[in-house]
Amino acid sequence: MVVGNVVKIPKGIFQPGYPLPALIANNYGEMLSIPLYDSALMFSALILFCIVIGFNFLSRIAIMRFEKRL
């Protein structure tokens, strides 16, 4: 919600955006009324999960390399 919560593609790095957690939180109530909307929200949750796991994996590699140097 801090990013701006604006449903449009940002044109710059400092423009407001619409992050995946806000997409999931704002549209969760409409999930049952629109066909295939629940699968689209679950797919966005899967994308968010993969991004988080990827960042965790890369940070673990960076920490292991840093510890080897010391």
PDB file of N, CA and C in Angstrom:
ATOM      1  N   MET A   1       0.815  -1.185   0.000  1.00  0.00           N
ATOM      2  CA  MET A   1       0.000   0.000   0.000  1.00  0.00           C
ATOM      3  C   MET A   1       0.864   1.256   0.000  1.00  0.00           C
ATOM      4  N   VAL A   2       2.100   1.117   0.428  1.00  0.00           N
ATOM      5  CA  VAL A   2       3.008   2.256   0.476  1.00  0.00           C
ATOM      6  C   VAL A   2       3.436   2.676  -0.929  1.00  0.00           C
ATOM      7  N   VAL A   3       3.436   1.744  -1.857  1.00  0.00           N
ATOM      8  CA  VAL A   3       3.898   2.017  -3.213  1.00  0.00           C
ATOM      9  C   VAL A   3       2.964   2.987  -3.928  1.00  0.00           C
ATOM     10  N   GLY A   4       1.743   3.050  -3.570  1.00  0.00           N
ATOM     11  CA  GLY A   4       0.813   3.970  -4.202  1.00  0.00           C
ATOM     12  C   GLY A   4      -0.533   3.358  -4.495  1.00  0.00           C
ATOM     13  N   ASN A   5      -0.561   2.033  -4.693  1.00  0.00           N
ATOM     14  CA  ASN A   5      -1.812   1.313  -4.911  1.00  0.00           C
ATOM     15  C   ASN A   5      -2.606   1.884  -6.087  1.00  0.00           C
ATOM     16  N   VAL A   6      -1.908   2.183  -7.174  1.00  0.00           N
ATOM     17  CA  VAL A   6      -2.523   2.720  -8.385  1.00  0.00           C
ATOM     18  C   VAL A   6      -2.467   1.644  -9.462  1.00  0.00           C
ATOM     19  N   VAL A   7      -3.611   1.320 -10.048  1.00  0.00           N
ATOM     20  CA  VAL A   7      -3.687   0.249 -11.032  1.00  0.00           C
ATOM     21  C   VAL A   7      -3.271   0.785 -12.402  1.00  0.00           C
ATOM     22  N   LYS A   8      -1.968   0.905 -12.626  1.00  0.00           N
ATOM     23  CA  LYS A   8      -1.406   1.268 -13.922  1.00  0.00           C
ATOM     24  C   LYS A   8       0.072   0.907 -13.908  1.00  0.00           C
ATOM     25  N   ILE A   9       0.634   0.771 -15.070  1.00  0.00           N
ATOM     26  CA  ILE A   9       2.049   0.440 -15.176  1.00  0.00           C
ATOM     27  C   ILE A   9       2.850   1.707 -14.930  1.00  0.00           C
ATOM     28  N   PRO A  10       3.774   1.681 -13.974  1.00  0.00           N
ATOM     29  CA  PRO A  10       4.557   2.894 -13.707  1.00  0.00           C
ATOM     30  C   PRO A  10       5.517   3.196 -14.852  1.00  0.00           C
ATOM     31  N   LYS A  11       5.694   4.468 -15.125  1.00  0.00           N
ATOM     32  CA  LYS A  11       6.584   4.895 -16.198  1.00  0.00           C
ATOM     33  C   LYS A  11       7.998   5.147 -15.692  1.00  0.00           C
ATOM     34  N   GLY A  12       8.162   5.284 -14.410  1.00  0.00           N
ATOM     35  CA  GLY A  12       9.472   5.503 -13.817  1.00  0.00           C
ATOM     36  C   GLY A  12       9.588   4.798 -12.479  1.00  0.00           C
ATOM     37  N   ILE A  13      10.776   4.826 -11.916  1.00  0.00           N
ATOM     38  CA  ILE A  13      11.007   4.109 -10.666  1.00  0.00           C
ATOM     39  C   ILE A  13      10.331   4.793  -9.480  1.00  0.00           C
ATOM     40  N   PHE A  14      10.084   6.084  -9.577  1.00  0.00           N
ATOM     41  CA  PHE A  14       9.453   6.810  -8.475  1.00  0.00           C
ATOM     42  C   PHE A  14       7.960   7.043  -8.692  1.00  0.00           C
ATOM     43  N   GLN A  15       7.373   6.449  -9.696  1.00  0.00           N
ATOM     44  CA  GLN A  15       5.948   6.558  -9.960  1.00  0.00           C
ATOM     45  C   GLN A  15       5.182   5.540  -9.106  1.00  0.00           C
ATOM     46  N   PRO A  16       3.917   5.830  -8.782  1.00  0.00           N
ATOM     47  CA  PRO A  16       3.141   4.859  -7.999  1.00  0.00           C
ATOM     48  C   PRO A  16       2.865   3.590  -8.803  1.00  0.00           C
ATOM     49  N   GLY A  17       2.735   2.481  -8.120  1.00  0.00           N
ATOM     50  CA  GLY A  17       2.504   1.200  -8.770  1.00  0.00           C
ATOM     51  C   GLY A  17       1.457   0.380  -8.033  1.00  0.00           C
ATOM     52  N   TYR A  18       1.356  -0.869  -8.401  1.00  0.00           N
ATOM     53  CA  TYR A  18       0.372  -1.782  -7.814  1.00  0.00           C
ATOM     54  C   TYR A  18       1.071  -3.107  -7.526  1.00  0.00           C
ATOM     55  N   PRO A  19       1.597  -3.286  -6.323  1.00  0.00           N
ATOM     56  CA  PRO A  19       2.344  -4.512  -6.013  1.00  0.00           C
ATOM     57  C   PRO A  19       1.426  -5.737  -5.922  1.00  0.00           C
ATOM     58  N   LEU A  20       2.039  -6.908  -6.060  1.00  0.00           N
ATOM     59  CA  LEU A  20       1.267  -8.157  -6.031  1.00  0.00           C
ATOM     60  C   LEU A  20       0.526  -8.384  -4.709  1.00  0.00           C
ATOM     61  N   PRO A  21       1.108  -8.092  -3.544  1.00  0.00           N
ATOM     62  CA  PRO A  21       0.320  -8.282  -2.317  1.00  0.00           C
ATOM     63  C   PRO A  21      -0.924  -7.398  -2.267  1.00  0.00           C
ATOM     64  N   ALA A  22      -0.831  -6.175  -2.802  1.00  0.00           N
ATOM     65  CA  ALA A  22      -1.998  -5.303  -2.830  1.00  0.00           C
ATOM     66  C   ALA A  22      -3.039  -5.834  -3.815  1.00  0.00           C
ATOM     67  N   LEU A  23      -2.591  -6.384  -4.928  1.00  0.00           N
ATOM     68  CA  LEU A  23      -3.512  -6.980  -5.895  1.00  0.00           C
ATOM     69  C   LEU A  23      -4.299  -8.115  -5.254  1.00  0.00           C
ATOM     70  N   ILE A  24      -3.604  -8.969  -4.531  1.00  0.00           N
ATOM     71  CA  ILE A  24      -4.263 -10.110  -3.895  1.00  0.00           C
ATOM     72  C   ILE A  24      -5.203  -9.640  -2.793  1.00  0.00           C
ATOM     73  N   ALA A  25      -4.752  -8.702  -1.969  1.00  0.00           N
ATOM     74  CA  ALA A  25      -5.567  -8.238  -0.841  1.00  0.00           C
ATOM     75  C   ALA A  25      -6.800  -7.465  -1.310  1.00  0.00           C
ATOM     76  N   ASN A  26      -6.645  -6.609  -2.309  1.00  0.00           N
ATOM     77  CA  ASN A  26      -7.771  -5.789  -2.762  1.00  0.00           C
ATOM     78  C   ASN A  26      -8.814  -6.580  -3.539  1.00  0.00           C
ATOM     79  N   ASN A  27      -8.419  -7.628  -4.220  1.00  0.00           N
ATOM     80  CA  ASN A  27      -9.345  -8.351  -5.088  1.00  0.00           C
ATOM     81  C   ASN A  27      -9.802  -9.684  -4.521  1.00  0.00           C
ATOM     82  N   TYR A  28      -9.437  -9.986  -3.298  1.00  0.00           N
ATOM     83  CA  TYR A  28      -9.802 -11.276  -2.725  1.00  0.00           C
ATOM     84  C   TYR A  28     -11.317 -11.404  -2.539  1.00  0.00           C
ATOM     85  N   GLY A  29     -11.992 -10.316  -2.235  1.00  0.00           N
ATOM     86  CA  GLY A  29     -13.440 -10.365  -2.033  1.00  0.00           C
ATOM     87  C   GLY A  29     -14.204 -10.614  -3.320  1.00  0.00           C
ATOM     88  N   GLU A  30     -13.662 -10.195  -4.456  1.00  0.00           N
ATOM     89  CA  GLU A  30     -14.330 -10.382  -5.739  1.00  0.00           C
ATOM     90  C   GLU A  30     -14.016 -11.734  -6.368  1.00  0.00           C
ATOM     91  N   MET A  31     -13.233 -12.524  -5.683  1.00  0.00           N
ATOM     92  CA  MET A  31     -12.747 -13.773  -6.254  1.00  0.00           C
ATOM     93  C   MET A  31     -13.879 -14.743  -6.603  1.00  0.00           C
ATOM     94  N   LEU A  32     -14.904 -14.803  -5.799  1.00  0.00           N
ATOM     95  CA  LEU A  32     -15.960 -15.787  -6.024  1.00  0.00           C
ATOM     96  C   LEU A  32     -16.994 -15.344  -7.049  1.00  0.00           C
ATOM     97  N   SER A  33     -17.056 -14.047  -7.362  1.00  0.00           N
ATOM     98  CA  SER A  33     -18.107 -13.571  -8.257  1.00  0.00           C
ATOM     99  C   SER A  33     -17.730 -13.634  -9.736  1.00  0.00           C
ATOM    100  N   ILE A  34     -16.453 -13.712 -10.043  1.00  0.00           N
ATOM    101  CA  ILE A  34     -16.010 -13.713 -11.441  1.00  0.00           C
ATOM    102  C   ILE A  34     -15.382 -15.069 -11.759  1.00  0.00           C
ATOM    103  N   PRO A  35     -15.828 -15.748 -12.810  1.00  0.00           N
ATOM    104  CA  PRO A  35     -15.240 -17.050 -13.156  1.00  0.00           C
ATOM    105  C   PRO A  35     -13.753 -16.918 -13.513  1.00  0.00           C
ATOM    106  N   LEU A  36     -12.981 -17.873 -13.096  1.00  0.00           N
ATOM    107  CA  LEU A  36     -11.536 -17.965 -13.315  1.00  0.00           C
ATOM    108  C   LEU A  36     -10.741 -16.850 -12.633  1.00  0.00           C
ATOM    109  N   TYR A  37     -11.391 -16.021 -11.845  1.00  0.00           N
ATOM    110  CA  TYR A  37     -10.679 -14.954 -11.148  1.00  0.00           C
ATOM    111  C   TYR A  37      -9.869 -15.514  -9.992  1.00  0.00           C
ATOM    112  N   ASP A  38     -10.389 -16.569  -9.373  1.00  0.00           N
ATOM    113  CA  ASP A  38      -9.649 -17.182  -8.272  1.00  0.00           C
ATOM    114  C   ASP A  38      -8.353 -17.809  -8.752  1.00  0.00           C
ATOM    115  N   SER A  39      -8.376 -18.418  -9.928  1.00  0.00           N
ATOM    116  CA  SER A  39      -7.136 -19.008 -10.444  1.00  0.00           C
ATOM    117  C   SER A  39      -6.138 -17.926 -10.842  1.00  0.00           C
ATOM    118  N   ALA A  40      -6.610 -16.785 -11.320  1.00  0.00           N
ATOM    119  CA  ALA A  40      -5.703 -15.680 -11.655  1.00  0.00           C
ATOM    120  C   ALA A  40      -5.060 -15.116 -10.394  1.00  0.00           C
ATOM    121  N   LEU A  41      -5.837 -14.996  -9.315  1.00  0.00           N
ATOM    122  CA  LEU A  41      -5.253 -14.513  -8.057  1.00  0.00           C
ATOM    123  C   LEU A  41      -4.290 -15.534  -7.464  1.00  0.00           C
ATOM    124  N   MET A  42      -4.617 -16.801  -7.579  1.00  0.00           N
ATOM    125  CA  MET A  42      -3.713 -17.827  -7.075  1.00  0.00           C
ATOM    126  C   MET A  42      -2.426 -17.873  -7.900  1.00  0.00           C
ATOM    127  N   PHE A  43      -2.520 -17.605  -9.186  1.00  0.00           N
ATOM    128  CA  PHE A  43      -1.331 -17.543 -10.030  1.00  0.00           C
ATOM    129  C   PHE A  43      -0.458 -16.352  -9.646  1.00  0.00           C
ATOM    130  N   SER A  44      -1.077 -15.220  -9.334  1.00  0.00           N
ATOM    131  CA  SER A  44      -0.289 -14.078  -8.881  1.00  0.00           C
ATOM    132  C   SER A  44       0.353 -14.369  -7.529  1.00  0.00           C
ATOM    133  N   ALA A  45      -0.325 -15.133  -6.673  1.00  0.00           N
ATOM    134  CA  ALA A  45       0.277 -15.541  -5.407  1.00  0.00           C
ATOM    135  C   ALA A  45       1.451 -16.495  -5.643  1.00  0.00           C
ATOM    136  N   LEU A  46       1.333 -17.367  -6.636  1.00  0.00           N
ATOM    137  CA  LEU A  46       2.437 -18.267  -6.980  1.00  0.00           C
ATOM    138  C   LEU A  46       3.634 -17.477  -7.508  1.00  0.00           C
ATOM    139  N   ILE A  47       3.373 -16.470  -8.333  1.00  0.00           N
ATOM    140  CA  ILE A  47       4.461 -15.626  -8.835  1.00  0.00           C
ATOM    141  C   ILE A  47       5.143 -14.909  -7.682  1.00  0.00           C
ATOM    142  N   LEU A  48       4.364 -14.363  -6.755  1.00  0.00           N
ATOM    143  CA  LEU A  48       4.930 -13.695  -5.588  1.00  0.00           C
ATOM    144  C   LEU A  48       5.750 -14.667  -4.750  1.00  0.00           C
ATOM    145  N   PHE A  49       5.253 -15.874  -4.558  1.00  0.00           N
ATOM    146  CA  PHE A  49       5.976 -16.894  -3.799  1.00  0.00           C
ATOM    147  C   PHE A  49       7.300 -17.239  -4.470  1.00  0.00           C
ATOM    148  N   CYS A  50       7.295 -17.391  -5.791  1.00  0.00           N
ATOM    149  CA  CYS A  50       8.533 -17.704  -6.515  1.00  0.00           C
ATOM    150  C   CYS A  50       9.548 -16.569  -6.422  1.00  0.00           C
ATOM    151  N   ILE A  51       9.076 -15.334  -6.471  1.00  0.00           N
ATOM    152  CA  ILE A  51       9.984 -14.194  -6.329  1.00  0.00           C
ATOM    153  C   ILE A  51      10.608 -14.176  -4.944  1.00  0.00           C
ATOM    154  N   VAL A  52       9.820 -14.411  -3.918  1.00  0.00           N
ATOM    155  CA  VAL A  52      10.341 -14.431  -2.545  1.00  0.00           C
ATOM    156  C   VAL A  52      11.334 -15.568  -2.358  1.00  0.00           C
ATOM    157  N   ILE A  53      11.015 -16.753  -2.853  1.00  0.00           N
ATOM    158  CA  ILE A  53      11.933 -17.885  -2.749  1.00  0.00           C
ATOM    159  C   ILE A  53      13.216 -17.599  -3.516  1.00  0.00           C
ATOM    160  N   GLY A  54      13.121 -16.975  -4.687  1.00  0.00           N
ATOM    161  CA  GLY A  54      14.305 -16.621  -5.470  1.00  0.00           C
ATOM    162  C   GLY A  54      15.209 -15.645  -4.732  1.00  0.00           C
ATOM    163  N   PHE A  55      14.613 -14.602  -4.130  1.00  0.00           N
ATOM    164  CA  PHE A  55      15.418 -13.656  -3.362  1.00  0.00           C
ATOM    165  C   PHE A  55      16.039 -14.317  -2.141  1.00  0.00           C
ATOM    166  N   ASN A  56      15.314 -15.203  -1.482  1.00  0.00           N
ATOM    167  CA  ASN A  56      15.882 -15.921  -0.339  1.00  0.00           C
ATOM    168  C   ASN A  56      17.047 -16.805  -0.766  1.00  0.00           C
ATOM    169  N   PHE A  57      16.900 -17.479  -1.885  1.00  0.00           N
ATOM    170  CA  PHE A  57      17.964 -18.336  -2.398  1.00  0.00           C
ATOM    171  C   PHE A  57      19.209 -17.522  -2.740  1.00  0.00           C
ATOM    172  N   LEU A  58      19.016 -16.394  -3.429  1.00  0.00           N
ATOM    173  CA  LEU A  58      20.153 -15.539  -3.783  1.00  0.00           C
ATOM    174  C   LEU A  58      20.817 -14.929  -2.556  1.00  0.00           C
ATOM    175  N   SER A  59      20.033 -14.584  -1.550  1.00  0.00           N
ATOM    176  CA  SER A  59      20.636 -14.036  -0.331  1.00  0.00           C
ATOM    177  C   SER A  59      21.409 -15.108   0.431  1.00  0.00           C
ATOM    178  N   ARG A  60      20.934 -16.335   0.420  1.00  0.00           N
ATOM    179  CA  ARG A  60      21.680 -17.430   1.058  1.00  0.00           C
ATOM    180  C   ARG A  60      23.022 -17.648   0.365  1.00  0.00           C
ATOM    181  N   ILE A  61      23.027 -17.592  -0.958  1.00  0.00           N
ATOM    182  CA  ILE A  61      24.283 -17.736  -1.705  1.00  0.00           C
ATOM    183  C   ILE A  61      25.229 -16.596  -1.365  1.00  0.00           C
ATOM    184  N   ALA A  62      24.707 -15.373  -1.304  1.00  0.00           N
ATOM    185  CA  ALA A  62      25.545 -14.223  -0.969  1.00  0.00           C
ATOM    186  C   ALA A  62      26.107 -14.334   0.443  1.00  0.00           C
ATOM    187  N   ILE A  63      25.313 -14.800   1.385  1.00  0.00           N
ATOM    188  CA  ILE A  63      25.778 -14.963   2.765  1.00  0.00           C
ATOM    189  C   ILE A  63      26.851 -16.043   2.845  1.00  0.00           C
ATOM    190  N   MET A  64      26.647 -17.153   2.136  1.00  0.00           N
ATOM    191  CA  MET A  64      27.646 -18.229   2.162  1.00  0.00           C
ATOM    192  C   MET A  64      28.956 -17.757   1.550  1.00  0.00           C
ATOM    193  N   ARG A  65      28.923 -17.000   0.475  1.00  0.00           N
ATOM    194  CA  ARG A  65      30.155 -16.489  -0.137  1.00  0.00           C
ATOM    195  C   ARG A  65      30.851 -15.486   0.779  1.00  0.00           C
ATOM    196  N   PHE A  66      30.061 -14.658   1.449  1.00  0.00           N
ATOM    197  CA  PHE A  66      30.628 -13.670   2.376  1.00  0.00           C
ATOM    198  C   PHE A  66      31.284 -14.369   3.558  1.00  0.00           C
ATOM    199  N   GLU A  67      30.659 -15.435   4.074  1.00  0.00           N
ATOM    200  CA  GLU A  67      31.223 -16.161   5.209  1.00  0.00           C
ATOM    201  C   GLU A  67      32.491 -16.898   4.825  1.00  0.00           C
ATOM    202  N   LYS A  68      32.601 -17.370   3.579  1.00  0.00           N
ATOM    203  CA  LYS A  68      33.811 -18.051   3.127  1.00  0.00           C
ATOM    204  C   LYS A  68      34.996 -17.097   3.103  1.00  0.00           C
ATOM    205  N   ARG A  69      34.759 -15.837   2.770  1.00  0.00           N
ATOM    206  CA  ARG A  69      35.839 -14.848   2.732  1.00  0.00           C
ATOM    207  C   ARG A  69      36.374 -14.550   4.120  1.00  0.00           C
ATOM    208  N   LEU A  70      35.526 -14.623   5.113  1.00  0.00           N
ATOM    209  CA  LEU A  70      35.976 -14.358   6.478  1.00  0.00           C
ATOM    210  C   LEU A  70      36.517 -15.600   7.078  1.00  0.00           C
TER     211      LEU A  70
END
